[in-house]
Amino acid sequence: MDLTLKINGRDHRISVDPRTTLLDALREHIGLTGTKKGCDQGQCGACTVHVDGRRVLSCLTLAATVQGRPVTTIEGLANGEALHPMQAAFVKHDAFQCGYCTPGQIMSAVACVQEGHARSDDQIREYMSGNLCRCAAYPNIVAAIREAAPQMASMMSHA
C-alpha cells in the first residue's frame, strides 16, 4: 500500500504492507531511528510518538491509520540546534541512564505537560506510568518534567 506520512512537518511517501506499524514505518522505511522498539507489545512506552499532538504507542498503531495526520517523533522536538525544554531538562537532571527509553520518556513527558498532568510529582508519576525505565531513573525524570513544565507553559502561551 502506498502512503504519505507527515512526519515532523515533512511528507514521506512510502510503500508498505498494510499490516506495517507506525514504529516499523518510522524506523525501517523512513530512517528515523530515534523512536525505539522496546517490547513491541505496547507495555513499555519506548515507542511513544505524537499523532495529532497526542501521545500514541507507535508499535500498536498501523501506519495506514495516520496518513494525513501530523506525527511528531523525538527527532522533531528540537528547533534546529536548540533543544526542546524537556530535552534540555532531561540532560540537566541526568534523567536517563542507558538512554534506550529516553525518546519515549521525553515524548510522553511533553504530552504529560501539554495534557495538564504535571501539577504535582504524584500526578507526573501517574501519567508517566506507561513508560518504563529499566535503569530506574524515575526520580530524575520527575525532576526534569517538573523543571520543564513552566518553560513549556511559557512557550505555549507565546504561540
N, C-alpha and C. Protein backbone atom coordinates (compact mmCIF):
# COMPACT_ATOMS: atom_id res chain seq x y z
N MET A 1 0.84 -1.16 0.00
CA MET A 1 0.00 0.00 0.00
C MET A 1 0.89 1.23 0.00
N ASP A 2 0.54 2.22 -0.78
CA ASP A 2 1.29 3.47 -0.85
C ASP A 2 0.71 4.47 0.14
N LEU A 3 1.57 5.06 0.95
CA LEU A 3 1.15 6.02 1.97
C LEU A 3 1.99 7.29 1.87
N THR A 4 1.39 8.38 2.30
CA THR A 4 2.14 9.61 2.52
C THR A 4 1.96 9.96 3.99
N LEU A 5 3.06 9.90 4.72
CA LEU A 5 3.03 10.20 6.15
C LEU A 5 3.68 11.55 6.39
N LYS A 6 3.01 12.38 7.20
CA LYS A 6 3.54 13.70 7.55
C LYS A 6 4.27 13.58 8.88
N ILE A 7 5.60 13.44 8.78
CA ILE A 7 6.42 13.23 9.97
C ILE A 7 7.28 14.46 10.21
N ASN A 8 7.15 15.04 11.39
CA ASN A 8 7.95 16.21 11.77
C ASN A 8 7.86 17.31 10.72
N GLY A 9 6.65 17.50 10.19
CA GLY A 9 6.40 18.58 9.24
C GLY A 9 6.77 18.30 7.80
N ARG A 10 7.28 17.10 7.52
CA ARG A 10 7.66 16.74 6.14
C ARG A 10 6.87 15.54 5.68
N ASP A 11 6.49 15.55 4.40
CA ASP A 11 5.80 14.40 3.82
C ASP A 11 6.81 13.33 3.41
N HIS A 12 6.46 12.10 3.73
CA HIS A 12 7.28 10.94 3.36
C HIS A 12 6.38 9.96 2.63
N ARG A 13 6.73 9.67 1.39
CA ARG A 13 5.98 8.69 0.60
C ARG A 13 6.67 7.33 0.74
N ILE A 14 5.87 6.36 1.18
CA ILE A 14 6.42 5.02 1.38
C ILE A 14 5.43 3.99 0.82
N SER A 15 5.94 2.82 0.54
CA SER A 15 5.12 1.70 0.12
C SER A 15 5.35 0.59 1.13
N VAL A 16 4.27 0.19 1.81
CA VAL A 16 4.38 -0.78 2.90
C VAL A 16 3.27 -1.81 2.83
N ASP A 17 3.47 -2.90 3.53
CA ASP A 17 2.43 -3.89 3.74
C ASP A 17 1.35 -3.21 4.61
N PRO A 18 0.07 -3.47 4.38
CA PRO A 18 -0.98 -2.82 5.19
C PRO A 18 -0.87 -3.09 6.68
N ARG A 19 -0.16 -4.15 7.06
CA ARG A 19 -0.01 -4.50 8.48
C ARG A 19 1.16 -3.80 9.15
N THR A 20 1.87 -2.94 8.43
CA THR A 20 3.06 -2.27 8.97
C THR A 20 2.66 -1.29 10.07
N THR A 21 3.35 -1.40 11.19
CA THR A 21 3.08 -0.46 12.28
C THR A 21 3.76 0.87 11.99
N LEU A 22 3.28 1.90 12.67
CA LEU A 22 3.92 3.21 12.55
C LEU A 22 5.37 3.12 12.99
N LEU A 23 5.65 2.36 14.04
CA LEU A 23 7.02 2.19 14.52
C LEU A 23 7.93 1.65 13.43
N ASP A 24 7.49 0.59 12.77
CA ASP A 24 8.32 0.00 11.71
C ASP A 24 8.42 0.92 10.50
N ALA A 25 7.36 1.65 10.19
CA ALA A 25 7.43 2.61 9.09
C ALA A 25 8.47 3.69 9.40
N LEU A 26 8.46 4.20 10.62
CA LEU A 26 9.42 5.24 11.02
C LEU A 26 10.85 4.72 10.94
N ARG A 27 11.09 3.58 11.54
CA ARG A 27 12.45 3.07 11.66
C ARG A 27 12.97 2.46 10.36
N GLU A 28 12.17 1.61 9.74
CA GLU A 28 12.66 0.81 8.61
C GLU A 28 12.42 1.44 7.24
N HIS A 29 11.39 2.26 7.12
CA HIS A 29 11.05 2.81 5.81
C HIS A 29 11.44 4.28 5.66
N ILE A 30 11.45 5.01 6.78
CA ILE A 30 11.75 6.45 6.72
C ILE A 30 13.14 6.74 7.27
N GLY A 31 13.68 5.84 8.08
CA GLY A 31 15.03 6.01 8.61
C GLY A 31 15.12 6.87 9.86
N LEU A 32 14.00 7.07 10.54
CA LEU A 32 14.01 7.82 11.80
C LEU A 32 14.09 6.80 12.94
N THR A 33 15.30 6.58 13.42
CA THR A 33 15.52 5.51 14.40
C THR A 33 15.52 5.99 15.85
N GLY A 34 15.16 7.25 16.08
CA GLY A 34 15.09 7.74 17.46
C GLY A 34 14.01 7.06 18.26
N THR A 35 12.89 6.75 17.62
CA THR A 35 11.81 6.03 18.28
C THR A 35 12.25 4.58 18.44
N LYS A 36 12.20 4.08 19.65
CA LYS A 36 12.76 2.75 19.94
C LYS A 36 11.70 1.67 19.99
N LYS A 37 12.13 0.47 19.62
CA LYS A 37 11.29 -0.72 19.74
C LYS A 37 11.71 -1.41 21.03
N GLY A 38 10.83 -1.36 22.01
CA GLY A 38 11.13 -2.00 23.29
C GLY A 38 10.49 -3.37 23.34
N CYS A 39 9.26 -3.41 23.84
CA CYS A 39 8.57 -4.69 24.00
C CYS A 39 7.80 -5.10 22.75
N ASP A 40 7.46 -4.15 21.90
CA ASP A 40 6.66 -4.38 20.69
C ASP A 40 5.26 -4.91 21.04
N GLN A 41 4.82 -4.62 22.27
CA GLN A 41 3.50 -5.08 22.73
C GLN A 41 2.72 -3.97 23.42
N GLY A 42 3.22 -2.73 23.35
CA GLY A 42 2.50 -1.61 23.95
C GLY A 42 2.59 -1.52 25.45
N GLN A 43 3.59 -2.15 26.06
CA GLN A 43 3.66 -2.15 27.52
C GLN A 43 4.79 -1.31 28.09
N CYS A 44 5.77 -0.89 27.27
CA CYS A 44 6.93 -0.21 27.84
C CYS A 44 7.01 1.28 27.53
N GLY A 45 6.36 1.75 26.47
CA GLY A 45 6.36 3.17 26.15
C GLY A 45 7.56 3.66 25.37
N ALA A 46 8.53 2.81 25.07
CA ALA A 46 9.73 3.26 24.36
C ALA A 46 9.42 3.80 22.97
N CYS A 47 8.30 3.39 22.40
CA CYS A 47 7.94 3.78 21.03
C CYS A 47 6.99 4.97 20.97
N THR A 48 6.82 5.70 22.06
CA THR A 48 5.85 6.80 22.11
C THR A 48 6.21 7.92 21.14
N VAL A 49 5.22 8.31 20.35
CA VAL A 49 5.31 9.46 19.45
C VAL A 49 4.02 10.25 19.61
N HIS A 50 3.93 11.40 18.97
CA HIS A 50 2.70 12.18 18.99
C HIS A 50 2.02 12.09 17.64
N VAL A 51 0.72 11.85 17.65
CA VAL A 51 -0.11 11.91 16.45
C VAL A 51 -1.22 12.90 16.76
N ASP A 52 -1.36 13.90 15.90
CA ASP A 52 -2.34 14.97 16.16
C ASP A 52 -2.09 15.62 17.53
N GLY A 53 -0.81 15.66 17.96
CA GLY A 53 -0.47 16.29 19.23
C GLY A 53 -0.74 15.44 20.45
N ARG A 54 -1.18 14.20 20.26
CA ARG A 54 -1.46 13.31 21.39
C ARG A 54 -0.49 12.14 21.36
N ARG A 55 -0.11 11.65 22.54
CA ARG A 55 0.84 10.54 22.58
C ARG A 55 0.17 9.24 22.18
N VAL A 56 0.89 8.48 21.40
CA VAL A 56 0.43 7.15 20.99
C VAL A 56 1.60 6.19 21.04
N LEU A 57 1.29 4.92 21.19
CA LEU A 57 2.29 3.87 21.12
C LEU A 57 2.40 3.46 19.67
N SER A 58 3.53 3.78 19.06
CA SER A 58 3.66 3.53 17.62
C SER A 58 3.75 2.05 17.28
N CYS A 59 4.06 1.20 18.25
CA CYS A 59 4.11 -0.24 17.97
C CYS A 59 2.70 -0.83 17.86
N LEU A 60 1.70 -0.13 18.37
CA LEU A 60 0.32 -0.61 18.32
C LEU A 60 -0.52 0.16 17.30
N THR A 61 0.10 1.07 16.56
CA THR A 61 -0.60 1.93 15.62
C THR A 61 -0.22 1.55 14.20
N LEU A 62 -1.19 1.22 13.38
CA LEU A 62 -0.89 0.92 11.99
C LEU A 62 -0.53 2.19 11.25
N ALA A 63 0.50 2.13 10.45
CA ALA A 63 0.96 3.30 9.69
C ALA A 63 -0.17 3.87 8.84
N ALA A 64 -0.99 3.00 8.26
CA ALA A 64 -2.07 3.45 7.39
C ALA A 64 -3.08 4.34 8.11
N THR A 65 -3.20 4.17 9.43
CA THR A 65 -4.20 4.94 10.18
C THR A 65 -3.77 6.38 10.45
N VAL A 66 -2.51 6.71 10.21
CA VAL A 66 -2.05 8.07 10.48
C VAL A 66 -1.79 8.87 9.20
N GLN A 67 -2.12 8.29 8.06
CA GLN A 67 -1.93 9.01 6.81
C GLN A 67 -2.71 10.33 6.85
N GLY A 68 -2.02 11.41 6.52
CA GLY A 68 -2.64 12.73 6.51
C GLY A 68 -2.72 13.41 7.86
N ARG A 69 -2.23 12.76 8.90
CA ARG A 69 -2.26 13.33 10.26
C ARG A 69 -0.83 13.65 10.68
N PRO A 70 -0.62 14.77 11.35
CA PRO A 70 0.75 15.12 11.75
C PRO A 70 1.30 14.20 12.83
N VAL A 71 2.50 13.69 12.57
CA VAL A 71 3.21 12.81 13.51
C VAL A 71 4.49 13.53 13.93
N THR A 72 4.75 13.56 15.23
CA THR A 72 5.99 14.13 15.74
C THR A 72 6.76 13.04 16.45
N THR A 73 8.03 12.92 16.10
CA THR A 73 8.92 11.96 16.75
C THR A 73 9.94 12.75 17.57
N ILE A 74 10.78 12.05 18.28
CA ILE A 74 11.83 12.70 19.07
C ILE A 74 12.70 13.59 18.19
N GLU A 75 12.90 13.20 16.93
CA GLU A 75 13.72 13.99 16.02
C GLU A 75 13.07 15.33 15.67
N GLY A 76 11.76 15.44 15.89
CA GLY A 76 11.04 16.66 15.54
C GLY A 76 10.82 17.63 16.68
N LEU A 77 11.32 17.32 17.87
CA LEU A 77 11.08 18.21 19.02
C LEU A 77 11.99 19.43 19.04
N ALA A 78 13.26 19.24 18.76
CA ALA A 78 14.22 20.35 18.83
C ALA A 78 13.91 21.37 17.73
N ASN A 79 14.32 22.59 17.96
CA ASN A 79 14.19 23.66 16.98
C ASN A 79 15.58 23.92 16.43
N GLY A 80 15.95 23.19 15.38
CA GLY A 80 17.32 23.28 14.87
C GLY A 80 18.27 22.71 15.90
N GLU A 81 19.25 23.51 16.29
CA GLU A 81 20.22 23.07 17.30
C GLU A 81 19.72 23.31 18.73
N ALA A 82 18.66 24.09 18.87
CA ALA A 82 18.12 24.41 20.19
C ALA A 82 17.23 23.27 20.68
N LEU A 83 17.62 22.66 21.78
CA LEU A 83 16.83 21.57 22.34
C LEU A 83 15.48 22.07 22.82
N HIS A 84 14.49 21.20 22.76
CA HIS A 84 13.19 21.47 23.37
C HIS A 84 13.44 21.56 24.88
N PRO A 85 12.68 22.37 25.62
CA PRO A 85 12.90 22.48 27.07
C PRO A 85 12.89 21.13 27.80
N MET A 86 12.07 20.19 27.34
CA MET A 86 12.04 18.89 28.00
C MET A 86 13.34 18.13 27.73
N GLN A 87 13.85 18.20 26.52
CA GLN A 87 15.12 17.54 26.22
C GLN A 87 16.23 18.14 27.08
N ALA A 88 16.28 19.45 27.16
CA ALA A 88 17.31 20.12 27.96
C ALA A 88 17.20 19.73 29.44
N ALA A 89 15.98 19.64 29.94
CA ALA A 89 15.78 19.27 31.35
C ALA A 89 16.21 17.82 31.60
N PHE A 90 15.95 16.93 30.66
CA PHE A 90 16.39 15.54 30.80
C PHE A 90 17.92 15.48 30.88
N VAL A 91 18.60 16.27 30.06
CA VAL A 91 20.06 16.29 30.10
C VAL A 91 20.52 16.86 31.44
N LYS A 92 19.97 18.00 31.83
CA LYS A 92 20.39 18.67 33.06
C LYS A 92 20.21 17.77 34.29
N HIS A 93 19.10 17.04 34.34
CA HIS A 93 18.78 16.23 35.52
C HIS A 93 19.25 14.79 35.39
N ASP A 94 20.02 14.49 34.35
CA ASP A 94 20.51 13.13 34.13
C ASP A 94 19.34 12.14 34.23
N ALA A 95 18.26 12.45 33.50
CA ALA A 95 17.03 11.67 33.57
C ALA A 95 17.08 10.46 32.63
N PHE A 96 18.24 9.92 32.47
CA PHE A 96 18.40 8.71 31.66
C PHE A 96 19.68 8.03 32.13
N GLN A 97 19.74 6.75 31.91
CA GLN A 97 20.97 6.01 32.22
C GLN A 97 21.47 5.43 30.91
N CYS A 98 20.88 4.32 30.48
CA CYS A 98 21.33 3.73 29.22
C CYS A 98 20.81 4.53 28.03
N GLY A 99 19.71 5.26 28.21
CA GLY A 99 19.17 6.11 27.16
C GLY A 99 18.18 5.43 26.23
N TYR A 100 17.98 4.14 26.37
CA TYR A 100 17.12 3.45 25.42
C TYR A 100 15.67 3.94 25.50
N CYS A 101 15.15 4.11 26.69
CA CYS A 101 13.76 4.52 26.86
C CYS A 101 13.58 6.03 26.73
N THR A 102 14.68 6.77 26.69
CA THR A 102 14.64 8.23 26.77
C THR A 102 13.77 8.89 25.70
N PRO A 103 13.86 8.51 24.42
CA PRO A 103 12.99 9.18 23.44
C PRO A 103 11.50 9.04 23.79
N GLY A 104 11.07 7.84 24.17
CA GLY A 104 9.68 7.63 24.55
C GLY A 104 9.32 8.37 25.82
N GLN A 105 10.25 8.39 26.77
CA GLN A 105 10.02 9.13 28.02
C GLN A 105 9.82 10.61 27.73
N ILE A 106 10.68 11.18 26.88
CA ILE A 106 10.58 12.61 26.57
C ILE A 106 9.28 12.91 25.83
N MET A 107 8.92 12.07 24.86
CA MET A 107 7.67 12.32 24.13
C MET A 107 6.47 12.22 25.06
N SER A 108 6.48 11.27 25.98
CA SER A 108 5.40 11.17 26.96
C SER A 108 5.41 12.35 27.92
N ALA A 109 6.60 12.77 28.32
CA ALA A 109 6.72 13.88 29.25
C ALA A 109 6.17 15.17 28.64
N VAL A 110 6.47 15.42 27.37
CA VAL A 110 5.93 16.60 26.69
C VAL A 110 4.41 16.53 26.68
N ALA A 111 3.87 15.35 26.33
CA ALA A 111 2.42 15.19 26.31
C ALA A 111 1.82 15.34 27.71
N CYS A 112 2.48 14.81 28.70
CA CYS A 112 2.02 14.91 30.09
C CYS A 112 1.82 16.38 30.46
N VAL A 113 2.78 17.20 30.12
CA VAL A 113 2.69 18.64 30.42
C VAL A 113 1.57 19.27 29.60
N GLN A 114 1.53 18.98 28.31
CA GLN A 114 0.53 19.58 27.43
C GLN A 114 -0.89 19.17 27.82
N GLU A 115 -1.03 17.98 28.38
CA GLU A 115 -2.34 17.49 28.83
C GLU A 115 -2.74 18.10 30.17
N GLY A 116 -1.83 18.82 30.82
CA GLY A 116 -2.13 19.43 32.11
C GLY A 116 -1.96 18.48 33.28
N HIS A 117 -1.13 17.46 33.11
CA HIS A 117 -0.96 16.45 34.16
C HIS A 117 0.41 16.52 34.83
N ALA A 118 0.95 17.72 34.96
CA ALA A 118 2.27 17.87 35.60
C ALA A 118 2.19 18.84 36.77
N ARG A 119 1.07 18.82 37.47
CA ARG A 119 0.88 19.77 38.57
C ARG A 119 1.52 19.33 39.88
N SER A 120 1.82 18.04 40.00
CA SER A 120 2.46 17.54 41.22
C SER A 120 3.31 16.33 40.84
N ASP A 121 4.23 15.98 41.73
CA ASP A 121 5.07 14.81 41.48
C ASP A 121 4.21 13.55 41.36
N ASP A 122 3.19 13.42 42.22
CA ASP A 122 2.32 12.25 42.16
C ASP A 122 1.59 12.19 40.82
N GLN A 123 1.11 13.32 40.35
CA GLN A 123 0.41 13.35 39.07
C GLN A 123 1.36 13.01 37.92
N ILE A 124 2.56 13.54 37.97
CA ILE A 124 3.56 13.21 36.95
C ILE A 124 3.82 11.72 36.94
N ARG A 125 4.04 11.14 38.10
CA ARG A 125 4.30 9.69 38.19
C ARG A 125 3.14 8.89 37.62
N GLU A 126 1.92 9.29 37.94
CA GLU A 126 0.74 8.58 37.44
C GLU A 126 0.65 8.64 35.91
N TYR A 127 0.81 9.83 35.36
CA TYR A 127 0.63 9.99 33.92
C TYR A 127 1.86 9.60 33.09
N MET A 128 2.94 9.28 33.76
CA MET A 128 4.13 8.74 33.09
C MET A 128 4.27 7.24 33.34
N SER A 129 3.31 6.64 34.02
CA SER A 129 3.44 5.24 34.44
C SER A 129 3.46 4.26 33.27
N GLY A 130 3.06 4.67 32.09
CA GLY A 130 3.11 3.79 30.93
C GLY A 130 4.48 3.71 30.27
N ASN A 131 5.43 4.47 30.80
CA ASN A 131 6.79 4.47 30.27
C ASN A 131 7.73 3.85 31.29
N LEU A 132 8.30 2.73 30.92
CA LEU A 132 9.18 2.01 31.83
C LEU A 132 10.64 2.36 31.58
N CYS A 133 11.41 2.42 32.67
CA CYS A 133 12.84 2.67 32.61
C CYS A 133 13.52 1.55 33.41
N ARG A 134 14.23 0.69 32.70
CA ARG A 134 14.88 -0.43 33.39
C ARG A 134 16.01 0.04 34.28
N CYS A 135 16.54 1.22 34.03
CA CYS A 135 17.64 1.75 34.84
C CYS A 135 17.14 2.49 36.08
N ALA A 136 15.82 2.67 36.20
CA ALA A 136 15.18 3.29 37.36
C ALA A 136 15.58 4.75 37.56
N ALA A 137 15.59 5.52 36.49
CA ALA A 137 15.90 6.95 36.58
C ALA A 137 14.66 7.78 36.92
N TYR A 138 13.65 7.16 37.49
CA TYR A 138 12.36 7.81 37.71
C TYR A 138 12.43 9.12 38.50
N PRO A 139 13.18 9.20 39.61
CA PRO A 139 13.22 10.48 40.34
C PRO A 139 13.78 11.62 39.47
N ASN A 140 14.76 11.30 38.64
CA ASN A 140 15.35 12.32 37.77
C ASN A 140 14.39 12.71 36.65
N ILE A 141 13.61 11.75 36.17
CA ILE A 141 12.61 12.03 35.13
C ILE A 141 11.56 12.98 35.70
N VAL A 142 11.08 12.71 36.91
CA VAL A 142 10.09 13.58 37.55
C VAL A 142 10.67 14.98 37.74
N ALA A 143 11.92 15.08 38.18
CA ALA A 143 12.56 16.39 38.37
C ALA A 143 12.67 17.14 37.04
N ALA A 144 13.00 16.43 35.97
CA ALA A 144 13.11 17.07 34.66
C ALA A 144 11.76 17.61 34.20
N ILE A 145 10.72 16.82 34.38
CA ILE A 145 9.38 17.26 33.97
C ILE A 145 8.94 18.46 34.79
N ARG A 146 9.20 18.38 36.09
CA ARG A 146 8.83 19.49 36.97
C ARG A 146 9.52 20.78 36.53
N GLU A 147 10.78 20.70 36.12
CA GLU A 147 11.51 21.89 35.68
C GLU A 147 11.05 22.39 34.31
N ALA A 148 10.79 21.47 33.39
CA ALA A 148 10.44 21.87 32.02
C ALA A 148 9.01 22.38 31.91
N ALA A 149 8.12 21.95 32.77
CA ALA A 149 6.70 22.30 32.66
C ALA A 149 6.46 23.81 32.58
N PRO A 150 7.02 24.62 33.48
CA PRO A 150 6.75 26.07 33.37
C PRO A 150 7.36 26.68 32.10
N GLN A 151 8.49 26.17 31.67
CA GLN A 151 9.10 26.67 30.43
C GLN A 151 8.21 26.35 29.24
N MET A 152 7.64 25.16 29.23
CA MET A 152 6.74 24.77 28.15
C MET A 152 5.47 25.61 28.19
N ALA A 153 4.96 25.88 29.39
CA ALA A 153 3.75 26.71 29.51
C ALA A 153 4.00 28.10 28.96
N SER A 154 5.20 28.61 29.21
CA SER A 154 5.57 29.92 28.67
C SER A 154 5.62 29.88 27.15
N MET A 155 6.17 28.79 26.60
CA MET A 155 6.24 28.64 25.14
C MET A 155 4.84 28.57 24.54
N MET A 156 3.96 27.81 25.20
CA MET A 156 2.61 27.62 24.67
C MET A 156 1.81 28.91 24.73
N SER A 157 2.05 29.74 25.75
CA SER A 157 1.29 31.00 25.86
C SER A 157 1.78 32.03 24.85
N HIS A 158 3.00 31.88 24.35
CA HIS A 158 3.53 32.80 23.35
C HIS A 158 3.25 32.33 21.93
N ALA A 159 2.70 31.12 21.79
CA ALA A 159 2.46 30.57 20.44
C ALA A 159 1.19 31.12 19.83
